[in-house]
């Protein structure tokens, strides 16, 4: 029962939280109905949190840095940490290909940490379709620091901006050409940049990457008028720069709150989520409508045979259930 699951989530049950996230990720209508009830009941129990997005190209060391950062975050006994990782989906099973939980051995053994790997389900944007809902459930369970690790597929990662407060972009040390693989879109949404694995690279290439990022940031429009993204040198192995990253994240939250931009951004994110959910529900309702089911194949065949244009075919299909209003 949804009420029982919510009650256990409030008590800090990680198994109940995992079960609730499984329900929101399920495509079964009965699971979706339960998930929506659980989400609605959890909204009033949410606590304030700081949401951090970690993104960057594959191999940049996202999971390793998250573990090092998480251990520093937990030095404050008031903090509890939820880590939501999004992995590429297997085309055969639909499940996650990688296992981030296995790569965060120190964090996964801590009782104040919840780690949840989720498949991207082929969803573009670097996150799972239900990542935002999972964040809300984690907040209801009492986690005040939430880290979201994206798939790491490049320019399509920008959907992370609609669900977290601070975005940390990781890049590997190398030549300035490394920035070409990151592209402008992901650079524009970064609130901080970490050059990773500095312990493995020559100092010259590390500094070149740092200088290249700083030069690129100067050419981009500011995401927040009161914040200048900082480029930091980090090594999760030696610990270099990880404290600096956490201090930068906290400073960011303080500056935005002082300028009344923190909650304003959250409201914009909720509006964006609402609009995307409306589109999703409309698409689902449209393709499951009996009028569409009975007409789709016939109209599609007419389009394929060049007897109807794709535009006219789409218009005919939509007008099966949404009739245009007559002119007045």
C-alpha atoms as a PDB file:
ATOM      1  CA  UNK A   1       0.000   0.000   0.000  1.00  0.00           C
ATOM      2  CA  UNK A   2       1.294   3.511  -0.804  1.00  0.00           C
ATOM      3  CA  UNK A   3       0.579   4.741   2.739  1.00  0.00           C
ATOM      4  CA  UNK A   4       2.725   1.974   4.232  1.00  0.00           C
ATOM      5  CA  UNK A   5       5.604   2.655   1.834  1.00  0.00           C
ATOM      6  CA  UNK A   6       5.508   6.375   2.676  1.00  0.00           C
ATOM      7  CA  UNK A   7       5.452   5.613   6.405  1.00  0.00           C
ATOM      8  CA  UNK A   8       8.588   3.477   6.087  1.00  0.00           C
ATOM      9  CA  UNK A   9      10.297   6.116   3.890  1.00  0.00           C
ATOM     10  CA  UNK A  10       9.687   8.665   6.651  1.00  0.00           C
ATOM     11  CA  UNK A  11      11.382   6.304   9.108  1.00  0.00           C
ATOM     12  CA  UNK A  12      14.471   6.169   6.915  1.00  0.00           C
ATOM     13  CA  UNK A  13      13.959   2.730   5.389  1.00  0.00           C
ATOM     14  CA  UNK A  14      16.281   2.422   2.397  1.00  0.00           C
ATOM     15  CA  UNK A  15      14.410  -0.652   1.137  1.00  0.00           C
ATOM     16  CA  UNK A  16      11.121   1.301   1.108  1.00  0.00           C
ATOM     17  CA  UNK A  17      12.826   4.174  -0.719  1.00  0.00           C
ATOM     18  CA  UNK A  18      14.240   1.740  -3.287  1.00  0.00           C
ATOM     19  CA  UNK A  19      10.824   0.160  -3.740  1.00  0.00           C
ATOM     20  CA  UNK A  20       9.216   3.562  -4.313  1.00  0.00           C
ATOM     21  CA  UNK A  21      11.831   4.489  -6.937  1.00  0.00           C
ATOM     22  CA  UNK A  22      11.255   1.136  -8.651  1.00  0.00           C
ATOM     23  CA  UNK A  23       7.545   1.971  -8.855  1.00  0.00           C
ATOM     24  CA  UNK A  24       8.156   5.377 -10.446  1.00  0.00           C
ATOM     25  CA  UNK A  25      10.522   3.787 -12.971  1.00  0.00           C
ATOM     26  CA  UNK A  26       8.001   1.117 -13.929  1.00  0.00           C
ATOM     27  CA  UNK A  27       5.867   1.505 -17.053  1.00  0.00           C
ATOM     28  CA  UNK A  28       3.011  -0.596 -15.638  1.00  0.00           C
ATOM     29  CA  UNK A  29      -0.161   1.511 -15.172  1.00  0.00           C
ATOM     30  CA  UNK A  30      -0.870   0.053 -11.710  1.00  0.00           C
ATOM     31  CA  UNK A  31       2.694   0.842 -10.606  1.00  0.00           C
ATOM     32  CA  UNK A  32       2.412   4.362 -12.002  1.00  0.00           C
ATOM     33  CA  UNK A  33      -0.804   4.944 -10.067  1.00  0.00           C
ATOM     34  CA  UNK A  34       0.861   3.844  -6.808  1.00  0.00           C
ATOM     35  CA  UNK A  35       3.933   5.932  -7.593  1.00  0.00           C
ATOM     36  CA  UNK A  36       1.882   9.099  -8.112  1.00  0.00           C
ATOM     37  CA  UNK A  37       0.103   8.553  -4.777  1.00  0.00           C
ATOM     38  CA  UNK A  38       3.427   8.040  -3.005  1.00  0.00           C
ATOM     39  CA  UNK A  39       4.906  11.184  -4.577  1.00  0.00           C
ATOM     40  CA  UNK A  40       1.899  13.306  -3.620  1.00  0.00           C
ATOM     41  CA  UNK A  41       2.036  12.076  -0.013  1.00  0.00           C
ATOM     42  CA  UNK A  42       5.802  12.606   0.197  1.00  0.00           C
ATOM     43  CA  UNK A  43       5.694  16.233  -0.974  1.00  0.00           C
ATOM     44  CA  UNK A  44       4.626  17.581   2.421  1.00  0.00           C
ATOM     45  CA  UNK A  45       7.411  15.646   4.169  1.00  0.00           C
ATOM     46  CA  UNK A  46      10.276  16.888   1.991  1.00  0.00           C
ATOM     47  CA  UNK A  47      13.160  18.627   3.705  1.00  0.00           C
ATOM     48  CA  UNK A  48      15.469  21.274   2.315  1.00  0.00           C
ATOM     49  CA  UNK A  49      18.344  19.816   0.353  1.00  0.00           C
ATOM     50  CA  UNK A  50      21.285  20.788  -1.805  1.00  0.00           C
ATOM     51  CA  UNK A  51      21.174  19.044  -5.186  1.00  0.00           C
ATOM     52  CA  UNK A  52      24.466  18.545  -7.020  1.00  0.00           C
ATOM     53  CA  UNK A  53      24.825  17.315 -10.582  1.00  0.00           C
ATOM     54  CA  UNK A  54      28.071  15.659 -11.696  1.00  0.00           C
ATOM     55  CA  UNK A  55      28.587  15.391 -15.452  1.00  0.00           C
ATOM     56  CA  UNK A  56      31.373  14.998 -17.967  1.00  0.00           C
ATOM     57  CA  UNK A  57      32.694  12.671 -20.665  1.00  0.00           C
ATOM     58  CA  UNK A  58      33.128   8.926 -20.009  1.00  0.00           C
ATOM     59  CA  UNK A  59      36.372   8.165 -18.223  1.00  0.00           C
ATOM     60  CA  UNK A  60      36.569  11.508 -16.416  1.00  0.00           C
ATOM     61  CA  UNK A  61      36.247   9.723 -13.064  1.00  0.00           C
ATOM     62  CA  UNK A  62      32.751  10.781 -12.035  1.00  0.00           C
ATOM     63  CA  UNK A  63      32.090   7.891  -9.640  1.00  0.00           C
ATOM     64  CA  UNK A  64      35.552   8.117  -8.072  1.00  0.00           C
ATOM     65  CA  UNK A  65      35.225  11.840  -7.456  1.00  0.00           C
ATOM     66  CA  UNK A  66      31.698  11.400  -6.073  1.00  0.00           C
ATOM     67  CA  UNK A  67      33.017   8.941  -3.493  1.00  0.00           C
ATOM     68  CA  UNK A  68      35.834  11.296  -2.452  1.00  0.00           C
ATOM     69  CA  UNK A  69      33.423  14.250  -2.332  1.00  0.00           C
ATOM     70  CA  UNK A  70      30.809  12.212  -0.440  1.00  0.00           C
ATOM     71  CA  UNK A  71      33.270  11.265   2.289  1.00  0.00           C
ATOM     72  CA  UNK A  72      34.120  14.957   2.807  1.00  0.00           C
ATOM     73  CA  UNK A  73      30.416  15.875   2.885  1.00  0.00           C
ATOM     74  CA  UNK A  74      29.849  13.260   5.608  1.00  0.00           C
ATOM     75  CA  UNK A  75      32.505  14.838   7.826  1.00  0.00           C
ATOM     76  CA  UNK A  76      29.623  17.034   8.951  1.00  0.00           C
ATOM     77  CA  UNK A  77      27.472  14.754  11.160  1.00  0.00           C
ATOM     78  CA  UNK A  78      24.353  16.713  10.184  1.00  0.00           C
ATOM     79  CA  UNK A  79      24.661  15.615   6.556  1.00  0.00           C
ATOM     80  CA  UNK A  80      23.077  12.581   4.970  1.00  0.00           C
ATOM     81  CA  UNK A  81      23.794  11.736   1.364  1.00  0.00           C
ATOM     82  CA  UNK A  82      21.799  10.233  -1.508  1.00  0.00           C
ATOM     83  CA  UNK A  83      23.613   9.383  -4.744  1.00  0.00           C
ATOM     84  CA  UNK A  84      21.510   8.791  -7.850  1.00  0.00           C
ATOM     85  CA  UNK A  85      23.610   7.398 -10.687  1.00  0.00           C
ATOM     86  CA  UNK A  86      22.338   7.020 -14.238  1.00  0.00           C
ATOM     87  CA  UNK A  87      23.916   4.328 -16.378  1.00  0.00           C
ATOM     88  CA  UNK A  88      23.546   3.455 -20.055  1.00  0.00           C
ATOM     89  CA  UNK A  89      20.732   0.948 -20.592  1.00  0.00           C
ATOM     90  CA  UNK A  90      21.160  -2.499 -22.018  1.00  0.00           C
ATOM     91  CA  UNK A  91      19.164  -2.696 -25.252  1.00  0.00           C
ATOM     92  CA  UNK A  92      18.275  -6.301 -24.470  1.00  0.00           C
ATOM     93  CA  UNK A  93      17.260  -6.205 -20.811  1.00  0.00           C
ATOM     94  CA  UNK A  94      16.671  -2.466 -20.299  1.00  0.00           C
ATOM     95  CA  UNK A  95      18.808  -2.573 -17.152  1.00  0.00           C
ATOM     96  CA  UNK A  96      21.964  -0.675 -16.280  1.00  0.00           C
ATOM     97  CA  UNK A  97      25.140  -1.810 -17.990  1.00  0.00           C
ATOM     98  CA  UNK A  98      27.527  -0.463 -15.366  1.00  0.00           C
ATOM     99  CA  UNK A  99      27.508  -0.724 -11.587  1.00  0.00           C
ATOM    100  CA  UNK A 100      28.362   2.568  -9.906  1.00  0.00           C
ATOM    101  CA  UNK A 101      27.439   1.174  -6.499  1.00  0.00           C
ATOM    102  CA  UNK A 102      30.260  -1.354  -6.812  1.00  0.00           C
ATOM    103  CA  UNK A 103      32.662   1.486  -7.628  1.00  0.00           C
ATOM    104  CA  UNK A 104      31.765   3.402  -4.435  1.00  0.00           C
ATOM    105  CA  UNK A 105      32.713   0.798  -1.857  1.00  0.00           C
ATOM    106  CA  UNK A 106      33.477   3.227   0.969  1.00  0.00           C
ATOM    107  CA  UNK A 107      30.270   5.217   0.526  1.00  0.00           C
ATOM    108  CA  UNK A 108      28.000   2.207   0.035  1.00  0.00           C
ATOM    109  CA  UNK A 109      29.023   0.880   3.435  1.00  0.00           C
ATOM    110  CA  UNK A 110      27.879   4.013   5.285  1.00  0.00           C
ATOM    111  CA  UNK A 111      24.462   3.897   6.961  1.00  0.00           C
ATOM    112  CA  UNK A 112      23.841   7.603   6.259  1.00  0.00           C
ATOM    113  CA  UNK A 113      24.256   7.063   2.498  1.00  0.00           C
ATOM    114  CA  UNK A 114      21.726   5.852  -0.077  1.00  0.00           C
ATOM    115  CA  UNK A 115      23.036   4.895  -3.528  1.00  0.00           C
ATOM    116  CA  UNK A 116      20.644   4.117  -6.351  1.00  0.00           C
ATOM    117  CA  UNK A 117      21.778   3.192  -9.874  1.00  0.00           C
ATOM    118  CA  UNK A 118      19.086   3.628 -12.543  1.00  0.00           C
ATOM    119  CA  UNK A 119      19.051   2.852 -16.268  1.00  0.00           C
ATOM    120  CA  UNK A 120      18.732   5.769 -18.664  1.00  0.00           C
ATOM    121  CA  UNK A 121      16.133   3.706 -20.593  1.00  0.00           C
ATOM    122  CA  UNK A 122      17.409   5.289 -23.794  1.00  0.00           C
ATOM    123  CA  UNK A 123      16.400   8.730 -22.487  1.00  0.00           C
ATOM    124  CA  UNK A 124      18.434  11.565 -23.997  1.00  0.00           C
ATOM    125  CA  UNK A 125      19.726  14.236 -21.684  1.00  0.00           C
ATOM    126  CA  UNK A 126      22.070  12.192 -19.532  1.00  0.00           C
ATOM    127  CA  UNK A 127      19.511  11.330 -16.853  1.00  0.00           C
ATOM    128  CA  UNK A 128      16.745   8.817 -16.284  1.00  0.00           C
ATOM    129  CA  UNK A 129      13.187   9.927 -17.189  1.00  0.00           C
ATOM    130  CA  UNK A 130      12.256   9.739 -13.478  1.00  0.00           C
ATOM    131  CA  UNK A 131      15.388  11.256 -11.910  1.00  0.00           C
ATOM    132  CA  UNK A 132      13.553  14.338 -10.608  1.00  0.00           C
ATOM    133  CA  UNK A 133      10.884  12.200  -8.931  1.00  0.00           C
ATOM    134  CA  UNK A 134      13.621  10.091  -7.315  1.00  0.00           C
ATOM    135  CA  UNK A 135      15.171  13.301  -5.938  1.00  0.00           C
ATOM    136  CA  UNK A 136      11.840  14.256  -4.331  1.00  0.00           C
ATOM    137  CA  UNK A 137      11.565  10.825  -2.697  1.00  0.00           C
ATOM    138  CA  UNK A 138      15.119  11.099  -1.332  1.00  0.00           C
ATOM    139  CA  UNK A 139      14.273  14.494   0.164  1.00  0.00           C
ATOM    140  CA  UNK A 140      11.186  12.978   1.813  1.00  0.00           C
ATOM    141  CA  UNK A 141      13.429  10.271   3.284  1.00  0.00           C
ATOM    142  CA  UNK A 142      15.494  12.999   4.963  1.00  0.00           C
ATOM    143  CA  UNK A 143      18.579  13.193   2.751  1.00  0.00           C
ATOM    144  CA  UNK A 144      19.838  16.786   2.721  1.00  0.00           C
ATOM    145  CA  UNK A 145      22.629  16.372   0.139  1.00  0.00           C
ATOM    146  CA  UNK A 146      21.721  14.715  -3.164  1.00  0.00           C
ATOM    147  CA  UNK A 147      24.219  13.976  -5.911  1.00  0.00           C
ATOM    148  CA  UNK A 148      23.075  13.029  -9.419  1.00  0.00           C
ATOM    149  CA  UNK A 149      25.660  11.441 -11.711  1.00  0.00           C
ATOM    150  CA  UNK A 150      24.765  11.581 -15.399  1.00  0.00           C
ATOM    151  CA  UNK A 151      25.479   8.984 -18.067  1.00  0.00           C
ATOM    152  CA  UNK A 152      28.289  11.044 -19.534  1.00  0.00           C
ATOM    153  CA  UNK A 153      27.381  11.177 -23.194  1.00  0.00           C
ATOM    154  CA  UNK A 154      28.384  14.730 -24.034  1.00  0.00           C
ATOM    155  CA  UNK A 155      26.204  17.542 -25.325  1.00  0.00           C
ATOM    156  CA  UNK A 156      22.847  15.894 -24.537  1.00  0.00           C
ATOM    157  CA  UNK A 157      23.588  16.069 -20.793  1.00  0.00           C
ATOM    158  CA  UNK A 158      21.871  19.428 -20.421  1.00  0.00           C
ATOM    159  CA  UNK A 159      18.598  18.063 -18.952  1.00  0.00           C
ATOM    160  CA  UNK A 160      20.446  17.809 -15.626  1.00  0.00           C
ATOM    161  CA  UNK A 161      20.039  21.593 -15.378  1.00  0.00           C
ATOM    162  CA  UNK A 162      16.302  21.199 -14.790  1.00  0.00           C
ATOM    163  CA  UNK A 163      16.710  19.176 -11.583  1.00  0.00           C
ATOM    164  CA  UNK A 164      19.809  20.182  -9.611  1.00  0.00           C
ATOM    165  CA  UNK A 165      21.102  23.376  -7.994  1.00  0.00           C
ATOM    166  CA  UNK A 166      24.815  23.129  -8.812  1.00  0.00           C
ATOM    167  CA  UNK A 167      26.388  21.422 -11.830  1.00  0.00           C
ATOM    168  CA  UNK A 168      30.005  20.296 -11.708  1.00  0.00           C
ATOM    169  CA  UNK A 169      31.561  19.515 -15.093  1.00  0.00           C
ATOM    170  CA  UNK A 170      34.510  17.130 -15.042  1.00  0.00           C
ATOM    171  CA  UNK A 171      37.123  17.099 -17.774  1.00  0.00           C
ATOM    172  CA  UNK A 172      40.269  15.051 -18.221  1.00  0.00           C
ATOM    173  CA  UNK A 173      43.618  16.803 -18.469  1.00  0.00           C
ATOM    174  CA  UNK A 174      44.933  17.129 -21.997  1.00  0.00           C
ATOM    175  CA  UNK A 175      45.156  19.555 -24.837  1.00  0.00           C
ATOM    176  CA  UNK A 176      42.698  22.358 -25.480  1.00  0.00           C
ATOM    177  CA  UNK A 177      41.076  20.092 -28.067  1.00  0.00           C
ATOM    178  CA  UNK A 178      39.454  18.268 -25.140  1.00  0.00           C
ATOM    179  CA  UNK A 179      36.929  21.118 -24.950  1.00  0.00           C
ATOM    180  CA  UNK A 180      35.741  20.363 -28.475  1.00  0.00           C
ATOM    181  CA  UNK A 181      34.350  17.053 -27.255  1.00  0.00           C
ATOM    182  CA  UNK A 182      32.431  18.775 -24.466  1.00  0.00           C
ATOM    183  CA  UNK A 183      30.727  21.381 -26.665  1.00  0.00           C
ATOM    184  CA  UNK A 184      29.201  24.684 -25.785  1.00  0.00           C
ATOM    185  CA  UNK A 185      25.853  23.502 -24.372  1.00  0.00           C
ATOM    186  CA  UNK A 186      27.294  21.615 -21.426  1.00  0.00           C
ATOM    187  CA  UNK A 187      29.874  24.349 -20.738  1.00  0.00           C
ATOM    188  CA  UNK A 188      27.116  26.970 -20.489  1.00  0.00           C
ATOM    189  CA  UNK A 189      25.260  25.133 -17.719  1.00  0.00           C
ATOM    190  CA  UNK A 190      28.303  24.383 -15.557  1.00  0.00           C
ATOM    191  CA  UNK A 191      28.533  26.158 -12.185  1.00  0.00           C
ATOM    192  CA  UNK A 192      32.015  24.787 -11.596  1.00  0.00           C
ATOM    193  CA  UNK A 193      34.590  22.809 -13.578  1.00  0.00           C
ATOM    194  CA  UNK A 194      37.000  20.218 -12.182  1.00  0.00           C
ATOM    195  CA  UNK A 195      40.021  19.043 -14.130  1.00  0.00           C
ATOM    196  CA  UNK A 196      40.293  15.468 -12.834  1.00  0.00           C
ATOM    197  CA  UNK A 197      43.021  12.841 -12.424  1.00  0.00           C
ATOM    198  CA  UNK A 198      45.708  15.486 -12.030  1.00  0.00           C
ATOM    199  CA  UNK A 199      47.891  12.891 -10.299  1.00  0.00           C
ATOM    200  CA  UNK A 200      48.106  10.892 -13.556  1.00  0.00           C
ATOM    201  CA  UNK A 201      48.879  13.695 -16.029  1.00  0.00           C
ATOM    202  CA  UNK A 202      51.929  15.915 -16.630  1.00  0.00           C
ATOM    203  CA  UNK A 203      51.647  19.300 -14.934  1.00  0.00           C
ATOM    204  CA  UNK A 204      51.882  21.106 -18.272  1.00  0.00           C
ATOM    205  CA  UNK A 205      48.802  19.378 -19.709  1.00  0.00           C
ATOM    206  CA  UNK A 206      46.851  19.964 -16.481  1.00  0.00           C
ATOM    207  CA  UNK A 207      47.542  23.701 -16.587  1.00  0.00           C
ATOM    208  CA  UNK A 208      46.741  23.813 -20.304  1.00  0.00           C
ATOM    209  CA  UNK A 209      43.329  22.286 -19.646  1.00  0.00           C
ATOM    210  CA  UNK A 210      42.695  24.694 -16.770  1.00  0.00           C
ATOM    211  CA  UNK A 211      43.655  27.713 -18.887  1.00  0.00           C
ATOM    212  CA  UNK A 212      41.556  26.465 -21.832  1.00  0.00           C
ATOM    213  CA  UNK A 213      38.477  26.114 -19.607  1.00  0.00           C
ATOM    214  CA  UNK A 214      38.954  29.548 -18.058  1.00  0.00           C
ATOM    215  CA  UNK A 215      39.294  31.102 -21.523  1.00  0.00           C
ATOM    216  CA  UNK A 216      36.177  29.297 -22.763  1.00  0.00           C
ATOM    217  CA  UNK A 217      34.122  30.456 -19.761  1.00  0.00           C
ATOM    218  CA  UNK A 218      34.948  34.088 -20.520  1.00  0.00           C
ATOM    219  CA  UNK A 219      33.365  33.733 -23.956  1.00  0.00           C
ATOM    220  CA  UNK A 220      30.106  32.216 -22.688  1.00  0.00           C
ATOM    221  CA  UNK A 221      27.061  34.085 -21.329  1.00  0.00           C
ATOM    222  CA  UNK A 222      26.741  33.985 -17.550  1.00  0.00           C
ATOM    223  CA  UNK A 223      24.283  31.430 -16.223  1.00  0.00           C
ATOM    224  CA  UNK A 224      23.749  33.392 -12.985  1.00  0.00           C
ATOM    225  CA  UNK A 225      24.528  37.131 -12.845  1.00  0.00           C
ATOM    226  CA  UNK A 226      25.971  36.780  -9.337  1.00  0.00           C
ATOM    227  CA  UNK A 227      28.200  33.750  -9.908  1.00  0.00           C
ATOM    228  CA  UNK A 228      31.419  33.123 -11.829  1.00  0.00           C
ATOM    229  CA  UNK A 229      32.201  29.408 -12.372  1.00  0.00           C
ATOM    230  CA  UNK A 230      35.591  28.380 -11.050  1.00  0.00           C
ATOM    231  CA  UNK A 231      38.011  25.888 -12.640  1.00  0.00           C
ATOM    232  CA  UNK A 232      39.535  23.571 -10.007  1.00  0.00           C
ATOM    233  CA  UNK A 233      42.300  20.964 -10.183  1.00  0.00           C
ATOM    234  CA  UNK A 234      41.311  17.673  -8.544  1.00  0.00           C
ATOM    235  CA  UNK A 235      42.499  14.161  -7.867  1.00  0.00           C
ATOM    236  CA  UNK A 236      40.151  11.754  -6.140  1.00  0.00           C
ATOM    237  CA  UNK A 237      43.115   9.464  -5.430  1.00  0.00           C
ATOM    238  CA  UNK A 238      45.371  12.003  -3.689  1.00  0.00           C
ATOM    239  CA  UNK A 239      42.492  14.155  -2.462  1.00  0.00           C
ATOM    240  CA  UNK A 240      43.803  17.278  -4.179  1.00  0.00           C
ATOM    241  CA  UNK A 241      41.121  19.900  -4.742  1.00  0.00           C
ATOM    242  CA  UNK A 242      38.162  17.848  -3.456  1.00  0.00           C
ATOM    243  CA  UNK A 243      37.771  20.085  -0.377  1.00  0.00           C
ATOM    244  CA  UNK A 244      37.898  23.078  -2.710  1.00  0.00           C
ATOM    245  CA  UNK A 245      35.057  21.616  -4.796  1.00  0.00           C
ATOM    246  CA  UNK A 246      32.831  21.152  -1.720  1.00  0.00           C
ATOM    247  CA  UNK A 247      33.600  24.672  -0.476  1.00  0.00           C
ATOM    248  CA  UNK A 248      32.774  26.045  -3.931  1.00  0.00           C
ATOM    249  CA  UNK A 249      29.423  24.231  -3.937  1.00  0.00           C
ATOM    250  CA  UNK A 250      28.498  25.601  -0.508  1.00  0.00           C
ATOM    251  CA  UNK A 251      29.595  29.110  -1.469  1.00  0.00           C
ATOM    252  CA  UNK A 252      27.425  28.876  -4.600  1.00  0.00           C
ATOM    253  CA  UNK A 253      24.349  27.948  -2.544  1.00  0.00           C
ATOM    254  CA  UNK A 254      25.012  30.796  -0.101  1.00  0.00           C
ATOM    255  CA  UNK A 255      25.444  33.409  -2.842  1.00  0.00           C
ATOM    256  CA  UNK A 256      22.275  32.362  -4.684  1.00  0.00           C
ATOM    257  CA  UNK A 257      20.217  32.305  -1.485  1.00  0.00           C
ATOM    258  CA  UNK A 258      21.460  35.762  -0.493  1.00  0.00           C
ATOM    259  CA  UNK A 259      20.341  37.057  -3.895  1.00  0.00           C
ATOM    260  CA  UNK A 260      16.963  35.262  -3.809  1.00  0.00           C
ATOM    261  CA  UNK A 261      17.899  33.158  -6.847  1.00  0.00           C
ATOM    262  CA  UNK A 262      17.961  29.729  -5.207  1.00  0.00           C
ATOM    263  CA  UNK A 263      14.209  29.255  -4.762  1.00  0.00           C
ATOM    264  CA  UNK A 264      13.473  31.145  -7.976  1.00  0.00           C
ATOM    265  CA  UNK A 265      15.518  28.577  -9.887  1.00  0.00           C
ATOM    266  CA  UNK A 266      13.734  25.718  -8.115  1.00  0.00           C
ATOM    267  CA  UNK A 267      10.361  27.157  -9.166  1.00  0.00           C
ATOM    268  CA  UNK A 268      11.488  27.380 -12.791  1.00  0.00           C
ATOM    269  CA  UNK A 269      12.625  23.763 -12.611  1.00  0.00           C
ATOM    270  CA  UNK A 270       9.250  22.625 -11.278  1.00  0.00           C
ATOM    271  CA  UNK A 271       7.466  24.538 -14.036  1.00  0.00           C
ATOM    272  CA  UNK A 272       9.682  22.882 -16.625  1.00  0.00           C
ATOM    273  CA  UNK A 273       9.034  19.458 -15.101  1.00  0.00           C
ATOM    274  CA  UNK A 274       5.288  20.133 -15.071  1.00  0.00           C
ATOM    275  CA  UNK A 275       5.309  21.081 -18.775  1.00  0.00           C
ATOM    276  CA  UNK A 276       7.353  18.016 -19.720  1.00  0.00           C
ATOM    277  CA  UNK A 277       4.978  15.770 -17.775  1.00  0.00           C
ATOM    278  CA  UNK A 278       1.969  17.328 -19.539  1.00  0.00           C
ATOM    279  CA  UNK A 279       3.603  16.553 -22.897  1.00  0.00           C
ATOM    280  CA  UNK A 280       4.391  13.002 -21.757  1.00  0.00           C
ATOM    281  CA  UNK A 281       0.832  12.365 -20.551  1.00  0.00           C
ATOM    282  CA  UNK A 282      -0.627  13.847 -23.737  1.00  0.00           C
ATOM    283  CA  UNK A 283       1.580  11.671 -25.929  1.00  0.00           C
ATOM    284  CA  UNK A 284       0.623   8.566 -23.957  1.00  0.00           C
ATOM    285  CA  UNK A 285      -3.090   9.390 -24.053  1.00  0.00           C
ATOM    286  CA  UNK A 286      -2.933  10.212 -27.772  1.00  0.00           C
ATOM    287  CA  UNK A 287      -1.356   6.955 -28.914  1.00  0.00           C
ATOM    288  CA  UNK A 288      -3.619   4.891 -26.645  1.00  0.00           C
ATOM    289  CA  UNK A 289      -6.833   6.573 -27.839  1.00  0.00           C
ATOM    290  CA  UNK A 290      -9.124   4.101 -29.705  1.00  0.00           C
ATOM    291  CA  UNK A 291      -9.664   6.548 -32.603  1.00  0.00           C
ATOM    292  CA  UNK A 292      -5.901   6.766 -33.122  1.00  0.00           C
ATOM    293  CA  UNK A 293      -5.409   3.008 -32.846  1.00  0.00           C
ATOM    294  CA  UNK A 294      -8.018   2.379 -35.544  1.00  0.00           C
ATOM    295  CA  UNK A 295      -6.747   5.058 -37.958  1.00  0.00           C
ATOM    296  CA  UNK A 296      -2.990   5.191 -37.499  1.00  0.00           C
ATOM    297  CA  UNK A 297      -2.050   2.260 -39.766  1.00  0.00           C
ATOM    298  CA  UNK A 298      -4.281   3.437 -42.631  1.00  0.00           C
ATOM    299  CA  UNK A 299      -3.027   7.036 -42.563  1.00  0.00           C
ATOM    300  CA  UNK A 300       0.606   5.935 -42.131  1.00  0.00           C
ATOM    301  CA  UNK A 301       0.267   3.675 -45.197  1.00  0.00           C
ATOM    302  CA  UNK A 302      -1.122   6.604 -47.225  1.00  0.00           C
ATOM    303  CA  UNK A 303       1.905   8.684 -46.225  1.00  0.00           C
ATOM    304  CA  UNK A 304       4.320   5.889 -47.135  1.00  0.00           C
ATOM    305  CA  UNK A 305       2.597   5.482 -50.541  1.00  0.00           C
ATOM    306  CA  UNK A 306       2.943   9.232 -51.234  1.00  0.00           C
ATOM    307  CA  UNK A 307      -0.821   9.652 -51.536  1.00  0.00           C
ATOM    308  CA  UNK A 308      -0.853  11.922 -48.445  1.00  0.00           C
ATOM    309  CA  UNK A 309       1.879  14.238 -47.214  1.00  0.00           C
ATOM    310  CA  UNK A 310       3.276  13.642 -43.716  1.00  0.00           C
ATOM    311  CA  UNK A 311       1.893  17.047 -42.660  1.00  0.00           C
ATOM    312  CA  UNK A 312      -1.641  16.329 -43.910  1.00  0.00           C
ATOM    313  CA  UNK A 313      -1.497  12.825 -42.460  1.00  0.00           C
ATOM    314  CA  UNK A 314      -0.515  14.120 -39.032  1.00  0.00           C
ATOM    315  CA  UNK A 315      -3.251  16.771 -39.190  1.00  0.00           C
ATOM    316  CA  UNK A 316      -5.888  14.150 -40.071  1.00  0.00           C
ATOM    317  CA  UNK A 317      -4.749  11.946 -37.200  1.00  0.00           C
ATOM    318  CA  UNK A 318      -4.805  14.731 -34.616  1.00  0.00           C
ATOM    319  CA  UNK A 319      -8.232  15.904 -35.798  1.00  0.00           C
ATOM    320  CA  UNK A 320      -9.612  12.447 -35.039  1.00  0.00           C
ATOM    321  CA  UNK A 321      -9.681  13.456 -31.375  1.00  0.00           C
ATOM    322  CA  UNK A 322      -9.069  17.239 -31.401  1.00  0.00           C
ATOM    323  CA  UNK A 323     -11.440  18.974 -33.788  1.00  0.00           C
ATOM    324  CA  UNK A 324     -10.580  22.535 -34.808  1.00  0.00           C
ATOM    325  CA  UNK A 325     -13.019  25.170 -33.641  1.00  0.00           C
ATOM    326  CA  UNK A 326     -15.127  26.643 -36.445  1.00  0.00           C
ATOM    327  CA  UNK A 327     -14.355  30.278 -37.320  1.00  0.00           C
ATOM    328  CA  UNK A 328     -16.626  32.789 -35.604  1.00  0.00           C
END
